[in-house]
PDB file of N, CA and C in Angstrom:
ATOM      1  N   PHE A   1      32.625   0.855 -10.709  1.00  0.00           N
ATOM      2  CA  PHE A   1      33.678   1.551 -11.407  1.00  0.00           C
ATOM      3  C   PHE A   1      33.801   0.975 -12.805  1.00  0.00           C
ATOM      4  N   VAL A   2      33.860   1.829 -13.785  1.00  0.00           N
ATOM      5  CA  VAL A   2      33.967   1.401 -15.181  1.00  0.00           C
ATOM      6  C   VAL A   2      35.168   2.093 -15.813  1.00  0.00           C
ATOM      7  N   ALA A   3      35.984   1.310 -16.521  1.00  0.00           N
ATOM      8  CA  ALA A   3      37.118   1.869 -17.259  1.00  0.00           C
ATOM      9  C   ALA A   3      36.916   1.560 -18.732  1.00  0.00           C
ATOM     10  N   LEU A   4      36.985   2.573 -19.560  1.00  0.00           N
ATOM     11  CA  LEU A   4      36.801   2.395 -20.994  1.00  0.00           C
ATOM     12  C   LEU A   4      38.085   2.765 -21.722  1.00  0.00           C
ATOM     13  N   ASN A   5      38.449   1.937 -22.685  1.00  0.00           N
ATOM     14  CA  ASN A   5      39.627   2.213 -23.496  1.00  0.00           C
ATOM     15  C   ASN A   5      39.144   2.647 -24.875  1.00  0.00           C
ATOM     16  N   MET A   6      38.874   3.928 -25.010  1.00  0.00           N
ATOM     17  CA  MET A   6      38.323   4.436 -26.264  1.00  0.00           C
ATOM     18  C   MET A   6      39.297   5.430 -26.894  1.00  0.00           C
ATOM     19  N   ASN A   7      39.340   5.393 -28.194  1.00  0.00           N
ATOM     20  CA  ASN A   7      40.138   6.354 -28.940  1.00  0.00           C
ATOM     21  C   ASN A   7      39.335   7.650 -29.031  1.00  0.00           C
ATOM     22  N   LYS A   8      39.888   8.749 -28.565  1.00  0.00           N
ATOM     23  CA  LYS A   8      39.132  10.002 -28.561  1.00  0.00           C
ATOM     24  C   LYS A   8      38.885  10.548 -29.961  1.00  0.00           C
ATOM     25  N   ASN A   9      39.594  10.042 -30.947  1.00  0.00           N
ATOM     26  CA  ASN A   9      39.372  10.474 -32.330  1.00  0.00           C
ATOM     27  C   ASN A   9      38.333   9.617 -33.044  1.00  0.00           C
ATOM     28  N   ASP A  10      37.918   8.516 -32.416  1.00  0.00           N
ATOM     29  CA  ASP A  10      36.926   7.619 -33.020  1.00  0.00           C
ATOM     30  C   ASP A  10      35.531   8.144 -32.671  1.00  0.00           C
ATOM     31  N   LEU A  11      34.806   8.624 -33.665  1.00  0.00           N
ATOM     32  CA  LEU A  11      33.502   9.234 -33.434  1.00  0.00           C
ATOM     33  C   LEU A  11      32.347   8.286 -33.736  1.00  0.00           C
ATOM     34  N   ILE A  12      32.596   6.989 -33.777  1.00  0.00           N
ATOM     35  CA  ILE A  12      31.549   6.018 -34.095  1.00  0.00           C
ATOM     36  C   ILE A  12      30.391   6.084 -33.091  1.00  0.00           C
ATOM     37  N   GLN A  13      30.716   6.422 -31.853  1.00  0.00           N
ATOM     38  CA  GLN A  13      29.674   6.492 -30.830  1.00  0.00           C
ATOM     39  C   GLN A  13      28.668   7.606 -31.106  1.00  0.00           C
ATOM     40  N   PHE A  14      29.059   8.612 -31.856  1.00  0.00           N
ATOM     41  CA  PHE A  14      28.149   9.707 -32.177  1.00  0.00           C
ATOM     42  C   PHE A  14      27.367   9.453 -33.463  1.00  0.00           C
ATOM     43  N   VAL A  15      27.838   8.515 -34.269  1.00  0.00           N
ATOM     44  CA  VAL A  15      27.211   8.225 -35.549  1.00  0.00           C
ATOM     45  C   VAL A  15      26.275   7.030 -35.443  1.00  0.00           C
ATOM     46  N   SER A  16      26.725   6.005 -34.770  1.00  0.00           N
ATOM     47  CA  SER A  16      25.977   4.749 -34.677  1.00  0.00           C
ATOM     48  C   SER A  16      24.995   4.800 -33.508  1.00  0.00           C
ATOM     49  N   GLU A  17      23.788   4.296 -33.728  1.00  0.00           N
ATOM     50  CA  GLU A  17      22.764   4.230 -32.668  1.00  0.00           C
ATOM     51  C   GLU A  17      23.107   3.058 -31.744  1.00  0.00           C
ATOM     52  N   PRO A  18      23.341   3.303 -30.465  1.00  0.00           N
ATOM     53  CA  PRO A  18      23.762   2.222 -29.570  1.00  0.00           C
ATOM     54  C   PRO A  18      22.627   1.288 -29.152  1.00  0.00           C
ATOM     55  N   TRP A  19      21.390   1.707 -29.309  1.00  0.00           N
ATOM     56  CA  TRP A  19      20.268   0.898 -28.850  1.00  0.00           C
ATOM     57  C   TRP A  19      19.786  -0.030 -29.953  1.00  0.00           C
ATOM     58  N   ARG A  20      19.325  -1.188 -29.544  1.00  0.00           N
ATOM     59  CA  ARG A  20      18.839  -2.176 -30.502  1.00  0.00           C
ATOM     60  C   ARG A  20      17.552  -1.699 -31.167  1.00  0.00           C
ATOM     61  N   ASN A  21      16.617  -1.215 -30.365  1.00  0.00           N
ATOM     62  CA  ASN A  21      15.318  -0.744 -30.868  1.00  0.00           C
ATOM     63  C   ASN A  21      14.946   0.556 -30.174  1.00  0.00           C
ATOM     64  N   ASP A  22      14.112   1.320 -30.843  1.00  0.00           N
ATOM     65  CA  ASP A  22      13.579   2.518 -30.200  1.00  0.00           C
ATOM     66  C   ASP A  22      12.474   2.171 -29.220  1.00  0.00           C
ATOM     67  N   SER A  23      11.729   1.109 -29.517  1.00  0.00           N
ATOM     68  CA  SER A  23      10.649   0.696 -28.620  1.00  0.00           C
ATOM     69  C   SER A  23      10.507  -0.818 -28.681  1.00  0.00           C
ATOM     70  N   LEU A  24       9.785  -1.352 -27.711  1.00  0.00           N
ATOM     71  CA  LEU A  24       9.580  -2.796 -27.633  1.00  0.00           C
ATOM     72  C   LEU A  24       8.342  -3.196 -28.415  1.00  0.00           C
ATOM     73  N   THR A  25       8.357  -4.422 -28.913  1.00  0.00           N
ATOM     74  CA  THR A  25       7.170  -4.965 -29.565  1.00  0.00           C
ATOM     75  C   THR A  25       6.213  -5.463 -28.490  1.00  0.00           C
ATOM     76  N   ASP A  26       4.988  -5.786 -28.887  1.00  0.00           N
ATOM     77  CA  ASP A  26       4.011  -6.311 -27.927  1.00  0.00           C
ATOM     78  C   ASP A  26       4.518  -7.592 -27.278  1.00  0.00           C
ATOM     79  N   LYS A  27       5.135  -8.450 -28.068  1.00  0.00           N
ATOM     80  CA  LYS A  27       5.655  -9.711 -27.526  1.00  0.00           C
ATOM     81  C   LYS A  27       6.764  -9.447 -26.508  1.00  0.00           C
ATOM     82  N   GLU A  28       7.629  -8.490 -26.784  1.00  0.00           N
ATOM     83  CA  GLU A  28       8.708  -8.160 -25.854  1.00  0.00           C
ATOM     84  C   GLU A  28       8.150  -7.572 -24.555  1.00  0.00           C
ATOM     85  N   TYR A  29       7.087  -6.759 -24.660  1.00  0.00           N
ATOM     86  CA  TYR A  29       6.437  -6.260 -23.447  1.00  0.00           C
ATOM     87  C   TYR A  29       5.862  -7.412 -22.635  1.00  0.00           C
ATOM     88  N   GLU A  30       5.217  -8.369 -23.308  1.00  0.00           N
ATOM     89  CA  GLU A  30       4.662  -9.533 -22.614  1.00  0.00           C
ATOM     90  C   GLU A  30       5.751 -10.294 -21.885  1.00  0.00           C
ATOM     91  N   GLU A  31       6.865 -10.535 -22.567  1.00  0.00           N
ATOM     92  CA  GLU A  31       7.967 -11.267 -21.954  1.00  0.00           C
ATOM     93  C   GLU A  31       8.571 -10.491 -20.795  1.00  0.00           C
ATOM     94  N   LEU A  32       8.572  -9.184 -20.909  1.00  0.00           N
ATOM     95  CA  LEU A  32       9.146  -8.350 -19.864  1.00  0.00           C
ATOM     96  C   LEU A  32       8.302  -8.374 -18.594  1.00  0.00           C
ATOM     97  N   TYR A  33       6.973  -8.328 -18.739  1.00  0.00           N
ATOM     98  CA  TYR A  33       6.090  -8.218 -17.585  1.00  0.00           C
ATOM     99  C   TYR A  33       5.387  -9.507 -17.207  1.00  0.00           C
ATOM    100  N   TYR A  34       5.536 -10.562 -17.986  1.00  0.00           N
ATOM    101  CA  TYR A  34       4.862 -11.819 -17.692  1.00  0.00           C
ATOM    102  C   TYR A  34       5.519 -12.486 -16.494  1.00  0.00           C
ATOM    103  N   LEU A  35       4.707 -12.863 -15.510  1.00  0.00           N
ATOM    104  CA  LEU A  35       5.219 -13.570 -14.343  1.00  0.00           C
ATOM    105  C   LEU A  35       5.042 -15.061 -14.554  1.00  0.00           C
ATOM    106  N   THR A  36       6.125 -15.779 -14.480  1.00  0.00           N
ATOM    107  CA  THR A  36       6.041 -17.232 -14.572  1.00  0.00           C
ATOM    108  C   THR A  36       5.468 -17.758 -13.266  1.00  0.00           C
ATOM    109  N   PRO A  37       4.983 -18.991 -13.231  1.00  0.00           N
ATOM    110  CA  PRO A  37       4.465 -19.549 -11.972  1.00  0.00           C
ATOM    111  C   PRO A  37       5.504 -19.531 -10.847  1.00  0.00           C
ATOM    112  N   GLU A  38       6.765 -19.769 -11.189  1.00  0.00           N
ATOM    113  CA  GLU A  38       7.815 -19.727 -10.166  1.00  0.00           C
ATOM    114  C   GLU A  38       7.987 -18.316  -9.618  1.00  0.00           C
ATOM    115  N   MET A  39       7.907 -17.317 -10.521  1.00  0.00           N
ATOM    116  CA  MET A  39       8.023 -15.928 -10.081  1.00  0.00           C
ATOM    117  C   MET A  39       6.845 -15.543  -9.194  1.00  0.00           C
ATOM    118  N   LYS A  40       5.640 -16.012  -9.542  1.00  0.00           N
ATOM    119  CA  LYS A  40       4.459 -15.720  -8.729  1.00  0.00           C
ATOM    120  C   LYS A  40       4.596 -16.320  -7.338  1.00  0.00           C
ATOM    121  N   LYS A  41       5.094 -17.557  -7.264  1.00  0.00           N
ATOM    122  CA  LYS A  41       5.288 -18.199  -5.956  1.00  0.00           C
ATOM    123  C   LYS A  41       6.288 -17.416  -5.117  1.00  0.00           C
ATOM    124  N   GLU A  42       7.378 -17.011  -5.732  1.00  0.00           N
ATOM    125  CA  GLU A  42       8.397 -16.242  -5.021  1.00  0.00           C
ATOM    126  C   GLU A  42       7.837 -14.897  -4.559  1.00  0.00           C
ATOM    127  N   TYR A  43       7.075 -14.244  -5.417  1.00  0.00           N
ATOM    128  CA  TYR A  43       6.452 -12.962  -5.088  1.00  0.00           C
ATOM    129  C   TYR A  43       5.503 -13.119  -3.905  1.00  0.00           C
ATOM    130  N   GLU A  44       4.648 -14.141  -3.939  1.00  0.00           N
ATOM    131  CA  GLU A  44       3.700 -14.375  -2.852  1.00  0.00           C
ATOM    132  C   GLU A  44       4.418 -14.718  -1.555  1.00  0.00           C
ATOM    133  N   LEU A  45       5.494 -15.501  -1.646  1.00  0.00           N
ATOM    134  CA  LEU A  45       6.261 -15.850  -0.455  1.00  0.00           C
ATOM    135  C   LEU A  45       6.871 -14.602   0.178  1.00  0.00           C
ATOM    136  N   GLU A  46       7.480 -13.751  -0.641  1.00  0.00           N
ATOM    137  CA  GLU A  46       8.075 -12.519  -0.120  1.00  0.00           C
ATOM    138  C   GLU A  46       7.018 -11.603   0.491  1.00  0.00           C
ATOM    139  N   LEU A  47       5.847 -11.528  -0.135  1.00  0.00           N
ATOM    140  CA  LEU A  47       4.761 -10.710   0.398  1.00  0.00           C
ATOM    141  C   LEU A  47       4.292 -11.246   1.748  1.00  0.00           C
ATOM    142  N   LYS A  48       4.145 -12.562   1.856  1.00  0.00           N
ATOM    143  CA  LYS A  48       3.722 -13.167   3.125  1.00  0.00           C
ATOM    144  C   LYS A  48       4.750 -12.921   4.219  1.00  0.00           C
ATOM    145  N   ILE A  49       6.029 -13.056   3.892  1.00  0.00           N
ATOM    146  CA  ILE A  49       7.087 -12.808   4.880  1.00  0.00           C
ATOM    147  C   ILE A  49       7.033 -11.358   5.349  1.00  0.00           C
ATOM    148  N   TYR A  50       6.858 -10.436   4.419  1.00  0.00           N
ATOM    149  CA  TYR A  50       6.802  -9.011   4.751  1.00  0.00           C
ATOM    150  C   TYR A  50       5.599  -8.699   5.636  1.00  0.00           C
ATOM    151  N   LEU A  51       4.422  -9.185   5.243  1.00  0.00           N
ATOM    152  CA  LEU A  51       3.214  -8.927   6.032  1.00  0.00           C
ATOM    153  C   LEU A  51       3.285  -9.606   7.394  1.00  0.00           C
ATOM    154  N   PHE A  52       3.854 -10.805   7.450  1.00  0.00           N
ATOM    155  CA  PHE A  52       3.982 -11.506   8.726  1.00  0.00           C
ATOM    156  C   PHE A  52       4.867 -10.720   9.684  1.00  0.00           C
ATOM    157  N   SER A  53       5.956 -10.145   9.180  1.00  0.00           N
ATOM    158  CA  SER A  53       6.835  -9.372  10.060  1.00  0.00           C
ATOM    159  C   SER A  53       6.115  -8.141  10.607  1.00  0.00           C
ATOM    160  N   ILE A  54       5.291  -7.497   9.777  1.00  0.00           N
ATOM    161  CA  ILE A  54       4.523  -6.338  10.243  1.00  0.00           C
ATOM    162  C   ILE A  54       3.518  -6.759  11.308  1.00  0.00           C
ATOM    163  N   LEU A  55       2.779  -7.831  11.040  1.00  0.00           N
ATOM    164  CA  LEU A  55       1.788  -8.308  12.013  1.00  0.00           C
ATOM    165  C   LEU A  55       2.447  -8.743  13.310  1.00  0.00           C
ATOM    166  N   LYS A  56       3.592  -9.398  13.211  1.00  0.00           N
ATOM    167  CA  LYS A  56       4.302  -9.841  14.413  1.00  0.00           C
ATOM    168  C   LYS A  56       4.701  -8.642  15.269  1.00  0.00           C
ATOM    169  N   ASP A  57       5.196  -7.579  14.626  1.00  0.00           N
ATOM    170  CA  ASP A  57       5.572  -6.372  15.363  1.00  0.00           C
ATOM    171  C   ASP A  57       4.355  -5.703  15.997  1.00  0.00           C
ATOM    172  N   LEU A  58       3.235  -5.661  15.280  1.00  0.00           N
ATOM    173  CA  LEU A  58       2.019  -5.062  15.837  1.00  0.00           C
ATOM    174  C   LEU A  58       1.494  -5.857  17.030  1.00  0.00           C
ATOM    175  N   ILE A  59       1.530  -7.171  16.928  1.00  0.00           N
ATOM    176  CA  ILE A  59       1.076  -8.014  18.041  1.00  0.00           C
ATOM    177  C   ILE A  59       1.990  -7.825  19.240  1.00  0.00           C
ATOM    178  N   ALA A  60       3.296  -7.759  19.001  1.00  0.00           N
ATOM    179  CA  ALA A  60       4.238  -7.542  20.101  1.00  0.00           C
ATOM    180  C   ALA A  60       3.984  -6.190  20.763  1.00  0.00           C
ATOM    181  N   GLU A  61       3.705  -5.160  19.960  1.00  0.00           N
ATOM    182  CA  GLU A  61       3.411  -3.837  20.514  1.00  0.00           C
ATOM    183  C   GLU A  61       2.113  -3.858  21.310  1.00  0.00           C
ATOM    184  N   LYS A  62       1.113  -4.543  20.805  1.00  0.00           N
ATOM    185  CA  LYS A  62      -0.183  -4.617  21.489  1.00  0.00           C
ATOM    186  C   LYS A  62      -0.063  -5.372  22.805  1.00  0.00           C
ATOM    187  N   ASP A  63       0.815  -6.394  22.855  1.00  0.00           N
ATOM    188  CA  ASP A  63       0.954  -7.218  24.058  1.00  0.00           C
ATOM    189  C   ASP A  63       1.887  -6.622  25.105  1.00  0.00           C
ATOM    190  N   GLN A  64       2.514  -5.497  24.819  1.00  0.00           N
ATOM    191  CA  GLN A  64       3.401  -4.878  25.802  1.00  0.00           C
ATOM    192  C   GLN A  64       2.596  -4.411  27.008  1.00  0.00           C
ATOM    193  N   GLU A  65       3.265  -4.376  28.153  1.00  0.00           N
ATOM    194  CA  GLU A  65       2.583  -3.947  29.374  1.00  0.00           C
ATOM    195  C   GLU A  65       2.110  -2.499  29.244  1.00  0.00           C
ATOM    196  N   ILE A  66       2.974  -1.622  28.748  1.00  0.00           N
ATOM    197  CA  ILE A  66       2.571  -0.250  28.448  1.00  0.00           C
ATOM    198  C   ILE A  66       2.233  -0.250  26.967  1.00  0.00           C
ATOM    199  N   ASN A  67       0.962  -0.261  26.689  1.00  0.00           N
ATOM    200  CA  ASN A  67       0.480  -0.478  25.335  1.00  0.00           C
ATOM    201  C   ASN A  67       0.248   0.852  24.635  1.00  0.00           C
ATOM    202  N   ALA A  68       1.064   1.140  23.619  1.00  0.00           N
ATOM    203  CA  ALA A  68       0.958   2.415  22.892  1.00  0.00           C
ATOM    204  C   ALA A  68      -0.347   2.509  22.109  1.00  0.00           C
ATOM    205  N   ILE A  69      -0.845   1.386  21.623  1.00  0.00           N
ATOM    206  CA  ILE A  69      -2.090   1.402  20.855  1.00  0.00           C
ATOM    207  C   ILE A  69      -3.254   1.806  21.753  1.00  0.00           C
ATOM    208  N   ASN A  70      -3.357   1.208  22.942  1.00  0.00           N
ATOM    209  CA  ASN A  70      -4.436   1.557  23.862  1.00  0.00           C
ATOM    210  C   ASN A  70      -4.279   2.980  24.397  1.00  0.00           C
ATOM    211  N   GLN A  71      -3.041   3.428  24.581  1.00  0.00           N
ATOM    212  CA  GLN A  71      -2.833   4.785  25.085  1.00  0.00           C
ATOM    213  C   GLN A  71      -3.328   5.826  24.086  1.00  0.00           C
ATOM    214  N   LYS A  72      -3.180   5.555  22.821  1.00  0.00           N
ATOM    215  CA  LYS A  72      -3.586   6.534  21.807  1.00  0.00           C
ATOM    216  C   LYS A  72      -5.093   6.716  21.761  1.00  0.00           C
ATOM    217  N   CYS A  73      -5.866   5.660  22.027  1.00  0.00           N
ATOM    218  CA  CYS A  73      -7.324   5.813  21.989  1.00  0.00           C
ATOM    219  C   CYS A  73      -7.905   5.985  23.397  1.00  0.00           C
ATOM    220  N   ASN A  74      -7.053   6.071  24.404  1.00  0.00           N
ATOM    221  CA  ASN A  74      -7.442   6.333  25.791  1.00  0.00           C
ATOM    222  C   ASN A  74      -8.447   5.335  26.346  1.00  0.00           C
ATOM    223  N   THR A  75      -8.390   4.123  25.914  1.00  0.00           N
ATOM    224  CA  THR A  75      -9.241   3.084  26.478  1.00  0.00           C
ATOM    225  C   THR A  75      -8.572   1.737  26.243  1.00  0.00           C
ATOM    226  N   THR A  76      -9.027   0.734  26.948  1.00  0.00           N
ATOM    227  CA  THR A  76      -8.416  -0.587  26.802  1.00  0.00           C
ATOM    228  C   THR A  76      -9.472  -1.627  26.514  1.00  0.00           C
ATOM    229  N   ASN A  77      -9.060  -2.694  25.884  1.00  0.00           N
ATOM    230  CA  ASN A  77      -9.902  -3.865  25.621  1.00  0.00           C
ATOM    231  C   ASN A  77     -11.231  -3.501  24.960  1.00  0.00           C
ATOM    232  N   ILE A  78     -11.172  -2.753  23.904  1.00  0.00           N
ATOM    233  CA  ILE A  78     -12.388  -2.414  23.172  1.00  0.00           C
ATOM    234  C   ILE A  78     -12.846  -3.654  22.425  1.00  0.00           C
ATOM    235  N   ASP A  79     -14.107  -4.022  22.616  1.00  0.00           N
ATOM    236  CA  ASP A  79     -14.656  -5.185  21.924  1.00  0.00           C
ATOM    237  C   ASP A  79     -15.475  -4.689  20.746  1.00  0.00           C
ATOM    238  N   ASN A  80     -14.862  -4.663  19.587  1.00  0.00           N
ATOM    239  CA  ASN A  80     -15.543  -4.136  18.402  1.00  0.00           C
ATOM    240  C   ASN A  80     -16.640  -5.060  17.911  1.00  0.00           C
ATOM    241  N   LYS A  81     -16.573  -6.324  18.266  1.00  0.00           N
ATOM    242  CA  LYS A  81     -17.586  -7.262  17.792  1.00  0.00           C
ATOM    243  C   LYS A  81     -18.956  -6.935  18.377  1.00  0.00           C
ATOM    244  N   LYS A  82     -18.979  -6.468  19.603  1.00  0.00           N
ATOM    245  CA  LYS A  82     -20.259  -6.157  20.256  1.00  0.00           C
ATOM    246  C   LYS A  82     -20.774  -4.781  19.859  1.00  0.00           C
ATOM    247  N   ARG A  83     -19.910  -3.932  19.317  1.00  0.00           N
ATOM    248  CA  ARG A  83     -20.260  -2.562  18.922  1.00  0.00           C
ATOM    249  C   ARG A  83     -20.914  -1.797  20.073  1.00  0.00           C
ATOM    250  N   ILE A  84     -20.317  -1.905  21.244  1.00  0.00           N
ATOM    251  CA  ILE A  84     -20.834  -1.222  22.431  1.00  0.00           C
ATOM    252  C   ILE A  84     -19.738  -0.308  22.959  1.00  0.00           C
ATOM    253  N   CYS A  85     -20.115   0.911  23.283  1.00  0.00           N
ATOM    254  CA  CYS A  85     -19.166   1.868  23.836  1.00  0.00           C
ATOM    255  C   CYS A  85     -18.687   1.366  25.192  1.00  0.00           C
ATOM    256  N   PRO A  86     -17.378   1.302  25.429  1.00  0.00           N
ATOM    257  CA  PRO A  86     -16.887   0.804  26.714  1.00  0.00           C
ATOM    258  C   PRO A  86     -17.178   1.749  27.877  1.00  0.00           C
ATOM    259  N   ASN A  87     -17.455   3.026  27.574  1.00  0.00           N
ATOM    260  CA  ASN A  87     -17.698   3.985  28.651  1.00  0.00           C
ATOM    261  C   ASN A  87     -19.169   4.071  29.040  1.00  0.00           C
ATOM    262  N   CYS A  88     -20.044   4.281  28.056  1.00  0.00           N
ATOM    263  CA  CYS A  88     -21.459   4.488  28.379  1.00  0.00           C
ATOM    264  C   CYS A  88     -22.321   3.265  28.062  1.00  0.00           C
ATOM    265  N   HIS A  89     -21.747   2.233  27.463  1.00  0.00           N
ATOM    266  CA  HIS A  89     -22.425   0.970  27.141  1.00  0.00           C
ATOM    267  C   HIS A  89     -23.598   1.136  26.186  1.00  0.00           C
ATOM    268  N   LYS A  90     -23.583   2.196  25.378  1.00  0.00           N
ATOM    269  CA  LYS A  90     -24.611   2.353  24.357  1.00  0.00           C
ATOM    270  C   LYS A  90     -24.164   1.627  23.100  1.00  0.00           C
ATOM    271  N   LYS A  91     -25.132   1.166  22.338  1.00  0.00           N
ATOM    272  CA  LYS A  91     -24.813   0.476  21.099  1.00  0.00           C
ATOM    273  C   LYS A  91     -24.281   1.483  20.083  1.00  0.00           C
ATOM    274  N   LEU A  92     -23.154   1.152  19.457  1.00  0.00           N
ATOM    275  CA  LEU A  92     -22.537   2.031  18.475  1.00  0.00           C
ATOM    276  C   LEU A  92     -23.086   1.730  17.089  1.00  0.00           C
ATOM    277  N   ASP A  93     -23.112   2.762  16.246  1.00  0.00           N
ATOM    278  CA  ASP A  93     -23.557   2.583  14.865  1.00  0.00           C
ATOM    279  C   ASP A  93     -22.535   1.760  14.089  1.00  0.00           C
ATOM    280  N   THR A  94     -23.025   1.091  13.074  1.00  0.00           N
ATOM    281  CA  THR A  94     -22.115   0.363  12.191  1.00  0.00           C
ATOM    282  C   THR A  94     -21.442   1.355  11.261  1.00  0.00           C
ATOM    283  N   LEU A  95     -20.381   0.927  10.626  1.00  0.00           N
ATOM    284  CA  LEU A  95     -19.652   1.788   9.707  1.00  0.00           C
ATOM    285  C   LEU A  95     -20.539   2.225   8.541  1.00  0.00           C
ATOM    286  N   ALA A  96     -21.374   1.321   8.058  1.00  0.00           N
ATOM    287  CA  ALA A  96     -22.270   1.658   6.943  1.00  0.00           C
ATOM    288  C   ALA A  96     -23.245   2.760   7.342  1.00  0.00           C
ATOM    289  N   THR A  97     -23.757   2.695   8.567  1.00  0.00           N
ATOM    290  CA  THR A  97     -24.681   3.722   9.053  1.00  0.00           C
ATOM    291  C   THR A  97     -23.977   5.071   9.147  1.00  0.00           C
ATOM    292  N   LEU A  98     -22.762   5.066   9.679  1.00  0.00           N
ATOM    293  CA  LEU A  98     -22.008   6.312   9.810  1.00  0.00           C
ATOM    294  C   LEU A  98     -21.700   6.917   8.444  1.00  0.00           C
ATOM    295  N   GLN A  99     -21.341   6.065   7.480  1.00  0.00           N
ATOM    296  CA  GLN A  99     -21.050   6.567   6.138  1.00  0.00           C
ATOM    297  C   GLN A  99     -22.301   7.137   5.481  1.00  0.00           C
ATOM    298  N   ALA A 100     -23.449   6.503   5.692  1.00  0.00           N
ATOM    299  CA  ALA A 100     -24.699   7.000   5.114  1.00  0.00           C
ATOM    300  C   ALA A 100     -25.053   8.356   5.712  1.00  0.00           C
ATOM    301  N   GLU A 101     -24.880   8.493   7.032  1.00  0.00           N
ATOM    302  CA  GLU A 101     -25.164   9.770   7.683  1.00  0.00           C
ATOM    303  C   GLU A 101     -24.229  10.862   7.168  1.00  0.00           C
ATOM    304  N   SER A 102     -22.950  10.508   6.975  1.00  0.00           N
ATOM    305  CA  SER A 102     -21.985  11.486   6.450  1.00  0.00           C
ATOM    306  C   SER A 102     -22.365  11.916   5.043  1.00  0.00           C
ATOM    307  N   ALA A 103     -22.811  10.973   4.227  1.00  0.00           N
ATOM    308  CA  ALA A 103     -23.212  11.291   2.853  1.00  0.00           C
ATOM    309  C   ALA A 103     -24.427  12.210   2.852  1.00  0.00           C
ATOM    310  N   LYS A 104     -25.400  11.935   3.741  1.00  0.00           N
ATOM    311  CA  LYS A 104     -26.589  12.787   3.828  1.00  0.00           C
ATOM    312  C   LYS A 104     -26.208  14.200   4.262  1.00  0.00           C
ATOM    313  N   GLU A 105     -25.326  14.301   5.250  1.00  0.00           N
ATOM    314  CA  GLU A 105     -24.893  15.601   5.748  1.00  0.00           C
ATOM    315  C   GLU A 105     -24.151  16.372   4.657  1.00  0.00           C
ATOM    316  N   LEU A 106     -23.294  15.683   3.914  1.00  0.00           N
ATOM    317  CA  LEU A 106     -22.559  16.323   2.832  1.00  0.00           C
ATOM    318  C   LEU A 106     -23.511  16.811   1.741  1.00  0.00           C
ATOM    319  N   ALA A 107     -24.510  16.009   1.405  1.00  0.00           N
ATOM    320  CA  ALA A 107     -25.495  16.402   0.390  1.00  0.00           C
ATOM    321  C   ALA A 107     -26.290  17.610   0.868  1.00  0.00           C
ATOM    322  N   ARG A 108     -26.652  17.618   2.149  1.00  0.00           N
ATOM    323  CA  ARG A 108     -27.390  18.752   2.706  1.00  0.00           C
ATOM    324  C   ARG A 108     -26.547  20.023   2.634  1.00  0.00           C
ATOM    325  N   LEU A 109     -25.249  19.912   2.969  1.00  0.00           N
ATOM    326  CA  LEU A 109     -24.365  21.076   2.914  1.00  0.00           C
ATOM    327  C   LEU A 109     -24.177  21.561   1.482  1.00  0.00           C
ATOM    328  N   ASN A 110     -24.066  20.640   0.546  1.00  0.00           N
ATOM    329  CA  ASN A 110     -23.899  21.021  -0.864  1.00  0.00           C
ATOM    330  C   ASN A 110     -25.134  21.734  -1.395  1.00  0.00           C
ATOM    331  N   ASN A 111     -26.310  21.359  -0.903  1.00  0.00           N
ATOM    332  CA  ASN A 111     -27.549  21.991  -1.357  1.00  0.00           C
ATOM    333  C   ASN A 111     -27.735  23.382  -0.769  1.00  0.00           C
ATOM    334  N   THR A 112     -27.154  23.645   0.398  1.00  0.00           N
ATOM    335  CA  THR A 112     -27.336  24.940   1.049  1.00  0.00           C
ATOM    336  C   THR A 112     -26.258  25.940   0.670  1.00  0.00           C
ATOM    337  N   VAL A 113     -25.159  25.474   0.082  1.00  0.00           N
ATOM    338  CA  VAL A 113     -24.074  26.383  -0.290  1.00  0.00           C
ATOM    339  C   VAL A 113     -24.457  27.116  -1.568  1.00  0.00           C
ATOM    340  N   PRO A 114     -24.406  28.468  -1.567  1.00  0.00           N
ATOM    341  CA  PRO A 114     -24.739  29.218  -2.790  1.00  0.00           C
ATOM    342  C   PRO A 114     -23.686  28.978  -3.864  1.00  0.00           C
ATOM    343  N   GLN A 115     -24.160  28.839  -5.104  1.00  0.00           N
ATOM    344  CA  GLN A 115     -23.224  28.544  -6.199  1.00  0.00           C
ATOM    345  C   GLN A 115     -23.169  29.660  -7.185  1.00  0.00           C
TER     346      GLN A 115
END
């Protein structure tokens, strides 16, 4: 809440420019956006706290008896390190291989589309 005691006949507010500058100098921009070491530490601490809370919630969700993460992919205990399908036990392609195949398929489709 703000209360102003202004004379309605005083038109100085319409004549005088209330701002100090129209724009900032390079030095003022530097001072505005420069992070001091203390600010960087505080920023990193807040980021770590935020990420830790997210990870803690995800771990708690994963460890629940009725696991929503496993229910969504319709399988449990997938071992991504082995890259083996839990159902048929075939070796799965790496992400790089899948991306290369997708790029080849996209290039093939682009070449066959009439322009």
